[in-house]
Protein backbone atom coordinates (compact mmCIF):
# COMPACT_ATOMS: atom_id res chain seq x y z
CA VAL A 1 -0.99 32.51 29.95
CA ARG A 2 -3.84 34.34 28.28
CA ALA A 3 -0.82 35.14 25.06
CA VAL A 4 0.11 31.35 25.07
CA VAL A 5 -2.76 30.45 24.73
CA HIS A 6 -3.87 32.27 22.28
CA ASP A 7 -1.08 31.75 20.13
CA ALA A 8 -2.37 28.24 20.48
CA ARG A 9 -6.12 29.09 19.56
CA GLN A 10 -4.22 30.81 16.14
CA VAL A 11 -2.47 27.61 15.10
CA GLN A 12 -6.22 25.48 15.84
CA ALA A 13 -7.94 27.60 13.51
CA GLN A 14 -5.61 27.63 11.52
CA ALA A 15 -5.22 23.39 11.14
CA ILE A 16 -8.92 23.77 12.06
CA ALA A 17 -9.31 26.03 8.34
CA ALA A 18 -7.03 23.67 6.45
CA ALA A 19 -8.71 20.37 6.74
CA GLY A 20 -12.20 22.54 6.13
CA LEU A 21 -10.14 23.15 2.49
CA GLU A 22 -9.47 19.71 2.62
CA ASP A 23 -13.57 18.89 3.34
CA ALA A 24 -14.00 20.19 -0.09
CA MET A 25 -11.65 19.10 -2.34
CA HIS A 26 -12.63 15.94 -1.20
CA GLY A 27 -16.53 16.69 -2.29
CA ILE A 28 -14.76 18.59 -5.41
CA TYR A 29 -13.02 15.22 -5.85
CA MET A 30 -16.11 12.80 -5.68
CA ASN A 31 -18.32 14.89 -7.83
CA PRO A 32 -16.50 17.65 -9.25
CA MET A 33 -20.34 19.61 -9.86
CA TRP A 34 -20.56 19.54 -6.48
CA ARG A 35 -20.08 23.59 -5.25
CA GLY A 36 -22.20 23.63 -1.05
CA GLY A 37 -20.15 23.60 0.96
CA PHE A 38 -20.26 23.38 5.33
CA PHE A 39 -21.53 25.87 7.46
CA GLN A 40 -20.21 25.65 11.11
CA LYS A 41 -19.80 21.37 9.92
CA PRO A 42 -17.88 20.68 13.68
CA PHE A 43 -13.62 19.66 14.05
CA ALA A 44 -11.45 19.09 16.96
CA GLY A 45 -13.27 21.60 19.42
CA GLY A 46 -14.22 24.45 16.78
CA TYR A 47 -15.77 24.52 13.65
CA TYR A 48 -15.65 25.84 10.00
CA THR A 49 -17.56 27.37 8.24
CA VAL A 50 -16.28 26.69 3.47
CA THR A 51 -17.91 27.95 0.17
CA LEU A 52 -16.93 27.81 -3.38
CA SER A 53 -17.00 30.40 -5.80
CA SER A 54 -19.16 28.88 -9.10
CA ALA A 55 -17.08 28.34 -11.47
CA ASP A 56 -14.97 25.44 -12.84
CA PRO A 57 -12.94 25.15 -11.69
CA PRO A 58 -13.95 26.80 -7.85
CA TYR A 59 -11.89 28.97 -5.44
CA ILE A 60 -12.86 26.98 -2.23
CA LEU A 61 -12.56 29.54 1.18
CA SER A 62 -12.33 27.71 4.18
CA THR A 63 -12.28 29.62 7.50
CA GLY A 64 -12.04 28.22 10.68
CA TYR A 65 -12.87 29.14 14.03
CA SER A 66 -10.81 27.52 17.03
CA SER A 67 -12.55 26.53 20.53
CA PRO A 68 -13.33 30.04 22.72
CA LEU A 69 -11.27 31.56 24.47
CA LEU A 70 -11.58 33.14 27.52
CA LEU A 71 -13.76 36.49 27.25
CA THR A 72 -11.98 37.49 23.43
CA GLY A 73 -14.15 34.46 21.99
CA ARG A 74 -12.76 33.16 19.32
CA ALA A 75 -9.92 32.26 16.54
CA VAL A 76 -10.59 32.29 13.36
CA LYS A 77 -8.25 31.32 9.76
CA THR A 78 -9.58 31.50 6.99
CA VAL A 79 -7.51 29.48 3.63
CA GLY A 80 -8.55 29.86 0.46
CA ALA A 81 -7.40 28.30 -2.65
CA LEU A 82 -8.27 27.29 -6.25
CA VAL A 83 -9.04 23.36 -7.69
CA GLU A 84 -9.74 21.23 -10.51
CA TYR A 85 -10.66 17.49 -11.04
CA THR A 86 -8.02 15.71 -13.17
CA ALA A 87 -9.08 12.25 -13.65
CA GLY A 88 -6.86 9.58 -12.80
CA ALA A 89 -9.14 7.53 -9.96
CA CYS A 90 -12.79 7.24 -11.14
CA PRO A 91 -15.09 8.58 -8.49
CA TYR A 92 -17.85 8.31 -10.71
CA ALA A 93 -19.57 5.14 -10.96
CA VAL A 94 -19.33 5.16 -14.80
CA MET A 95 -17.02 7.76 -16.34
CA ALA A 96 -16.86 8.16 -20.37
CA ALA A 97 -15.08 10.58 -23.16
CA GLY A 98 -16.44 9.64 -26.05
CA ASN A 99 -13.89 9.71 -28.61
CA GLY A 100 -15.38 9.01 -31.66
CA GLY A 101 -19.39 7.73 -30.66
CA ALA A 102 -21.51 7.65 -27.99
CA ALA A 103 -19.99 7.74 -24.78
CA VAL A 104 -23.09 6.07 -22.57
CA THR A 105 -25.28 3.71 -23.13
CA ILE A 106 -27.96 2.02 -20.38
CA ASP A 107 -30.27 -0.39 -21.04
CA GLY A 108 -29.61 -1.92 -17.41
CA LYS A 109 -28.86 -0.58 -14.11
CA VAL A 110 -26.67 1.75 -12.16
CA ASP A 111 -27.00 1.88 -8.02
CA ALA A 112 -24.21 2.45 -5.04
CA TYR A 113 -23.18 0.22 -2.27
CA ASP A 114 -21.22 0.74 1.00
CA ILE A 115 -18.32 -1.73 1.29
CA THR A 116 -17.50 -0.81 4.02
CA THR A 117 -20.55 -2.52 6.28
CA THR A 118 -20.88 -5.54 2.92
CA LEU A 119 -18.80 -7.05 0.51
CA THR A 120 -22.85 -9.47 -0.65
CA PRO A 121 -25.45 -6.67 -0.55
CA SER A 122 -28.79 -7.80 -0.85
CA ALA A 123 -31.88 -6.38 -2.91
CA THR A 124 -32.71 -3.47 0.26
CA GLU A 125 -28.87 -2.86 0.09
CA PHE A 126 -28.87 -0.89 -3.34
CA THR A 127 -28.93 3.17 -3.08
CA THR A 128 -28.66 5.47 -4.75
CA GLY A 129 -24.87 7.68 -5.60
CA GLY A 130 -24.24 5.59 -8.75
CA THR A 131 -23.12 8.59 -10.58
CA VAL A 132 -23.24 8.92 -14.65
CA ARG A 133 -20.48 11.18 -16.12
CA SER A 134 -20.24 11.88 -19.35
CA ASN A 135 -17.93 14.47 -22.56
CA LYS A 136 -20.93 14.13 -24.07
CA GLU A 137 -24.22 12.56 -23.76
CA VAL A 138 -25.48 9.95 -21.75
CA THR A 139 -28.72 7.86 -23.21
CA VAL A 140 -31.32 5.87 -21.09
CA GLY A 141 -32.61 2.42 -23.31
CA GLY A 142 -34.04 -0.56 -22.75
CA ALA A 143 -37.07 -1.21 -20.01
CA ALA A 144 -39.11 2.14 -19.91
CA CYS A 145 -38.47 4.84 -17.21
CA PRO A 146 -39.74 4.92 -13.79
CA PRO A 147 -38.28 2.91 -11.95
CA ALA A 148 -34.75 5.03 -12.56
CA HIS A 149 -32.58 2.94 -14.97
CA ILE A 150 -29.05 5.12 -12.50
CA LEU A 151 -30.03 5.69 -9.32
CA GLY A 152 -27.97 8.73 -9.07
CA ASP A 153 -26.68 11.87 -10.57
CA VAL A 154 -26.08 12.20 -14.66
CA THR A 155 -23.95 15.28 -15.11
CA HIS A 156 -23.45 15.54 -19.58
CA VAL A 157 -22.39 17.44 -22.27
CA THR A 158 -24.38 16.54 -25.23
CA GLY A 159 -27.86 15.12 -24.15
CA GLY A 160 -28.72 13.68 -21.06
CA PRO A 161 -31.69 10.79 -20.33
CA ALA A 162 -35.44 12.21 -18.86
CA ALA A 163 -35.47 12.46 -14.68
CA SER A 164 -37.67 9.62 -14.67
CA CYS A 165 -34.94 7.74 -16.02
CA VAL A 166 -32.67 9.05 -13.40
CA SER A 167 -33.31 9.26 -8.92
CA GLY A 168 -31.29 12.36 -9.07
CA SER A 169 -30.03 15.62 -11.04
CA ILE A 170 -29.88 16.11 -13.77
CA THR A 171 -26.74 18.01 -14.98
CA ALA A 172 -25.76 20.37 -18.76
CA THR A 173 -21.77 21.16 -18.70
CA THR A 174 -19.31 21.98 -20.92
CA THR A 175 -16.71 21.53 -18.98
CA THR A 176 -15.22 18.16 -20.10
CA LEU A 177 -12.83 15.71 -18.42
CA SER A 178 -9.89 13.95 -19.77
CA VAL A 179 -9.85 9.84 -18.03
CA ALA A 180 -6.48 8.99 -17.47
CA ASP A 181 -4.02 7.00 -19.45
CA PHE A 182 -2.13 4.19 -18.06
CA PRO A 183 1.44 2.74 -20.19
CA GLU A 184 2.91 -0.18 -20.06
CA PRO A 185 4.83 -1.50 -16.91
CA GLY A 186 8.28 -2.44 -17.75
CA THR A 187 8.11 -5.88 -15.94
CA ASN A 188 4.99 -8.27 -15.58
CA ASP A 189 4.36 -11.92 -14.17
CA ASN A 190 2.65 -13.12 -17.60
CA LEU A 191 5.53 -16.44 -16.82
CA THR A 192 5.33 -16.90 -13.09
CA GLY A 193 1.74 -16.03 -11.85
CA ILE A 194 -0.38 -17.81 -14.16
CA THR A 195 -1.34 -21.29 -13.08
CA PRO A 196 -1.96 -22.86 -15.60
CA ALA A 197 1.67 -21.65 -17.72
CA SER A 198 -0.43 -23.38 -20.70
CA ALA A 199 -3.15 -20.56 -20.33
CA TYR A 200 -0.32 -18.07 -21.42
CA SER A 201 0.98 -17.61 -25.07
CA GLY A 202 4.16 -15.83 -25.09
CA GLY A 203 6.36 -14.55 -26.97
CA MET A 204 4.81 -12.01 -29.56
CA ALA A 205 0.99 -13.10 -28.52
CA GLN A 206 0.72 -12.24 -25.42
CA LYS A 207 -2.19 -14.03 -25.16
CA LEU A 208 -4.24 -15.76 -22.05
CA ASP A 209 -7.35 -18.09 -23.37
CA VAL A 210 -9.68 -19.51 -20.51
CA ASP A 211 -11.10 -22.47 -22.85
CA PRO A 212 -13.82 -24.41 -21.94
CA GLY A 213 -14.17 -26.04 -18.67
CA GLU A 214 -10.97 -25.22 -17.76
CA THR A 215 -9.98 -23.48 -14.55
CA VAL A 216 -7.28 -20.54 -14.72
CA THR A 217 -5.62 -18.70 -11.21
CA LEU A 218 -3.78 -15.23 -11.99
CA SER A 219 -1.95 -14.72 -8.86
CA THR A 220 -1.07 -11.74 -6.80
CA GLY A 221 0.68 -9.43 -9.53
CA ILE A 222 0.57 -7.65 -12.72
CA TYR A 223 0.53 -9.09 -16.22
CA VAL A 224 0.13 -8.03 -19.51
CA PHE A 225 -1.98 -9.20 -22.53
CA LYS A 226 -3.08 -8.47 -25.60
CA GLN A 227 -6.04 -10.77 -25.89
CA ILE A 228 -7.68 -12.37 -23.70
CA ASN A 229 -10.49 -15.07 -24.24
CA ILE A 230 -12.66 -16.95 -21.47
CA ALA A 231 -15.12 -19.53 -23.33
CA ALA A 232 -18.42 -20.08 -22.32
CA THR A 233 -17.55 -22.58 -18.83
CA GLY A 234 -13.91 -21.16 -18.64
CA ILE A 235 -13.29 -20.05 -14.98
CA LEU A 236 -10.85 -17.36 -14.04
CA ASN A 237 -10.14 -17.02 -10.70
CA VAL A 238 -8.05 -13.36 -9.50
CA LEU A 239 -6.29 -13.94 -6.67
CA THR A 240 -7.15 -11.19 -4.24
CA SER A 241 -7.70 -12.09 -0.28
CA SER A 242 -4.46 -10.94 0.00
CA GLY A 243 -3.01 -8.44 -2.63
CA SER A 244 -3.76 -7.08 -5.92
CA VAL A 245 -4.31 -7.16 -9.32
CA ALA A 246 -3.36 -5.28 -12.44
CA VAL A 247 -4.25 -6.87 -15.96
CA TYR A 248 -3.02 -4.10 -18.87
CA LEU A 249 -4.78 -4.95 -22.38
CA LYS A 250 -3.95 -3.99 -25.83
CA ASN A 251 -6.08 -4.82 -27.74
CA ASN A 252 -9.91 -6.72 -27.19
CA PHE A 253 -11.31 -9.11 -24.16
CA SER A 254 -14.30 -11.56 -25.24
CA ALA A 255 -15.81 -12.85 -22.41
CA THR A 256 -18.43 -15.52 -23.51
CA SER A 257 -21.80 -15.98 -22.04
CA GLY A 258 -21.24 -18.53 -19.59
CA CYS A 259 -18.59 -17.74 -18.49
CA GLN A 260 -16.72 -16.30 -14.73
CA ILE A 261 -14.50 -13.91 -13.50
CA ASN A 262 -14.31 -14.49 -10.18
CA ASN A 263 -12.31 -11.40 -7.95
CA ILE A 264 -11.33 -13.74 -4.74
CA SER A 265 -11.78 -11.14 -1.42
CA LYS A 266 -14.85 -9.44 -3.54
CA ILE A 267 -12.92 -6.78 -3.62
CA PRO A 268 -13.21 -4.02 -6.59
CA ALA A 269 -10.22 -2.25 -5.56
CA ARG A 270 -8.06 -4.72 -5.79
CA PHE A 271 -7.99 -5.63 -8.85
CA HIS A 272 -8.15 -2.73 -11.72
CA PHE A 273 -8.36 -3.73 -15.60
CA TYR A 274 -6.23 -1.09 -17.72
CA GLY A 275 -7.52 -1.06 -21.68
CA ILE A 276 -3.90 0.71 -23.17
CA ASN A 277 -4.33 0.79 -26.58
CA GLY A 278 -6.71 2.69 -29.07
CA GLY A 279 -9.51 0.89 -30.06
CA ASN A 280 -10.45 -2.42 -28.09
CA PHE A 281 -13.18 -3.26 -26.86
CA VAL A 282 -13.81 -4.87 -23.53
CA ASN A 283 -17.37 -6.97 -23.97
CA LEU A 284 -18.90 -8.97 -20.75
CA ASN A 285 -21.24 -11.54 -20.26
CA CYS A 286 -20.23 -13.80 -17.71
CA ALA A 287 -23.03 -15.78 -14.90
CA THR A 288 -21.38 -14.76 -12.16
CA PRO A 289 -20.99 -11.23 -11.41
CA LEU A 290 -17.47 -9.91 -11.64
CA HIS A 291 -15.80 -7.38 -9.21
CA ALA A 292 -13.09 -5.15 -10.77
CA TYR A 293 -12.18 -0.75 -11.50
CA LEU A 294 -11.79 -0.96 -15.28
CA GLU A 295 -10.77 2.40 -16.29
CA GLY A 296 -8.58 3.69 -19.84
CA SER A 297 -8.78 6.71 -22.09
CA GLN A 298 -9.53 4.92 -25.25
CA SER A 299 -11.22 1.66 -24.30
CA ASN A 300 -14.55 0.56 -25.51
CA PHE A 301 -16.20 -1.38 -22.62
CA ARG A 302 -19.37 -3.38 -22.79
CA LEU A 303 -20.76 -5.06 -19.81
CA SER A 304 -24.28 -7.86 -20.14
CA GLN A 305 -23.73 -8.68 -16.39
CA GLU A 306 -23.27 -8.06 -12.96
CA MET A 307 -20.41 -6.21 -11.63
CA TYR A 308 -19.30 -4.61 -8.24
CA GLY A 309 -16.75 -1.39 -8.46
CA HIS A 310 -16.98 1.62 -12.09
CA PHE A 311 -16.02 2.42 -15.76
CA CYS A 312 -13.85 5.12 -16.56
CA SER A 313 -12.94 5.21 -20.13
CA ASN A 314 -13.24 6.18 -23.85
CA ARG A 315 -16.96 4.21 -24.12
CA VAL A 316 -19.59 2.80 -21.68
CA GLU A 317 -22.13 0.29 -22.88
CA ILE A 318 -24.88 -1.57 -20.05
CA SER A 319 -26.65 -3.67 -21.56
CA SER A 320 -29.21 -5.62 -21.06
CA ALA A 321 -30.39 -7.06 -24.95
CA ALA A 322 -31.49 -10.65 -24.75
CA GLY A 323 -31.53 -11.21 -20.95
CA ALA A 324 -28.35 -10.76 -19.57
CA VAL A 325 -28.24 -8.68 -16.39
CA GLY A 326 -26.38 -5.25 -17.26
CA MET A 327 -26.16 -4.02 -13.89
CA LEU A 328 -23.34 -1.74 -12.09
CA HIS A 329 -22.95 -1.59 -8.88
CA TYR A 330 -21.41 1.57 -7.70
CA ASP A 331 -18.18 1.00 -4.38
CA LEU A 332 -18.91 4.07 -2.52
CA GLY A 333 -16.26 3.14 -0.33
CA GLY A 334 -13.42 2.12 -2.76
């Protein structure tokens, strides 16, 4: 019986060590510069201790300790792995590649919220966690600091903002991360998912126009456009209450001041917007908050409105010029 229990504890220690490794890998996913580790973190009746080397990429060493055995104590197992983060889903409020110019310019504000608590946080529920990562510089302008414009940490390669503009740490690094490319899908719902259908110009144009006073709806599905234009009083509703919408953009997106883009579910993860060609510009300046994930390694985004979700692109500007809101709330629970 003692031998059987001993073997069971060995297996338990191995599983606990593996859990510690997974926990640390998640920490790297959330912040590739994280090296904190864990000390005797309780898990499954035992605990694990995890250390990370200071190298980039780091080596993770996780030791699992089983429930104690009578007289002989705990069984102990150790696992290790060399891990490196490669950008796919964006684990930052803002991440920019910075190809061909400035990477991140923030004249507005970046903070975070817990979507598992509320979809519509009040002003007092926005918190730190809006981490910004740039392969070049991170520039903060607009109103004077303090108060901080970025409620989170900043990691940059060529230059960072003043400490008074950031609530968390500011880290210089020589490591650049690649922003994921998203290939054009083979099929789309352009001809079946847009209401009214007249808002879409097919053929070579592949253009979506939301005219003044018009309401256009995208049903659950996948869409590919060369161009999107939303007029000042136009409304684009994205139906995501029972599914998701993915939009792939080849060229430019113009959302004129006073327009609306409404993700009906208010869950950013259900509305993915991908810039899939080099040099395209996405200018967002609508009257209602946008709930979305905006991604694409070659896109240049300018946000002059309130948004919930994240940016992961080539260049990002969060503007407060000319009375614009320019505010990004990072979805911590996404």
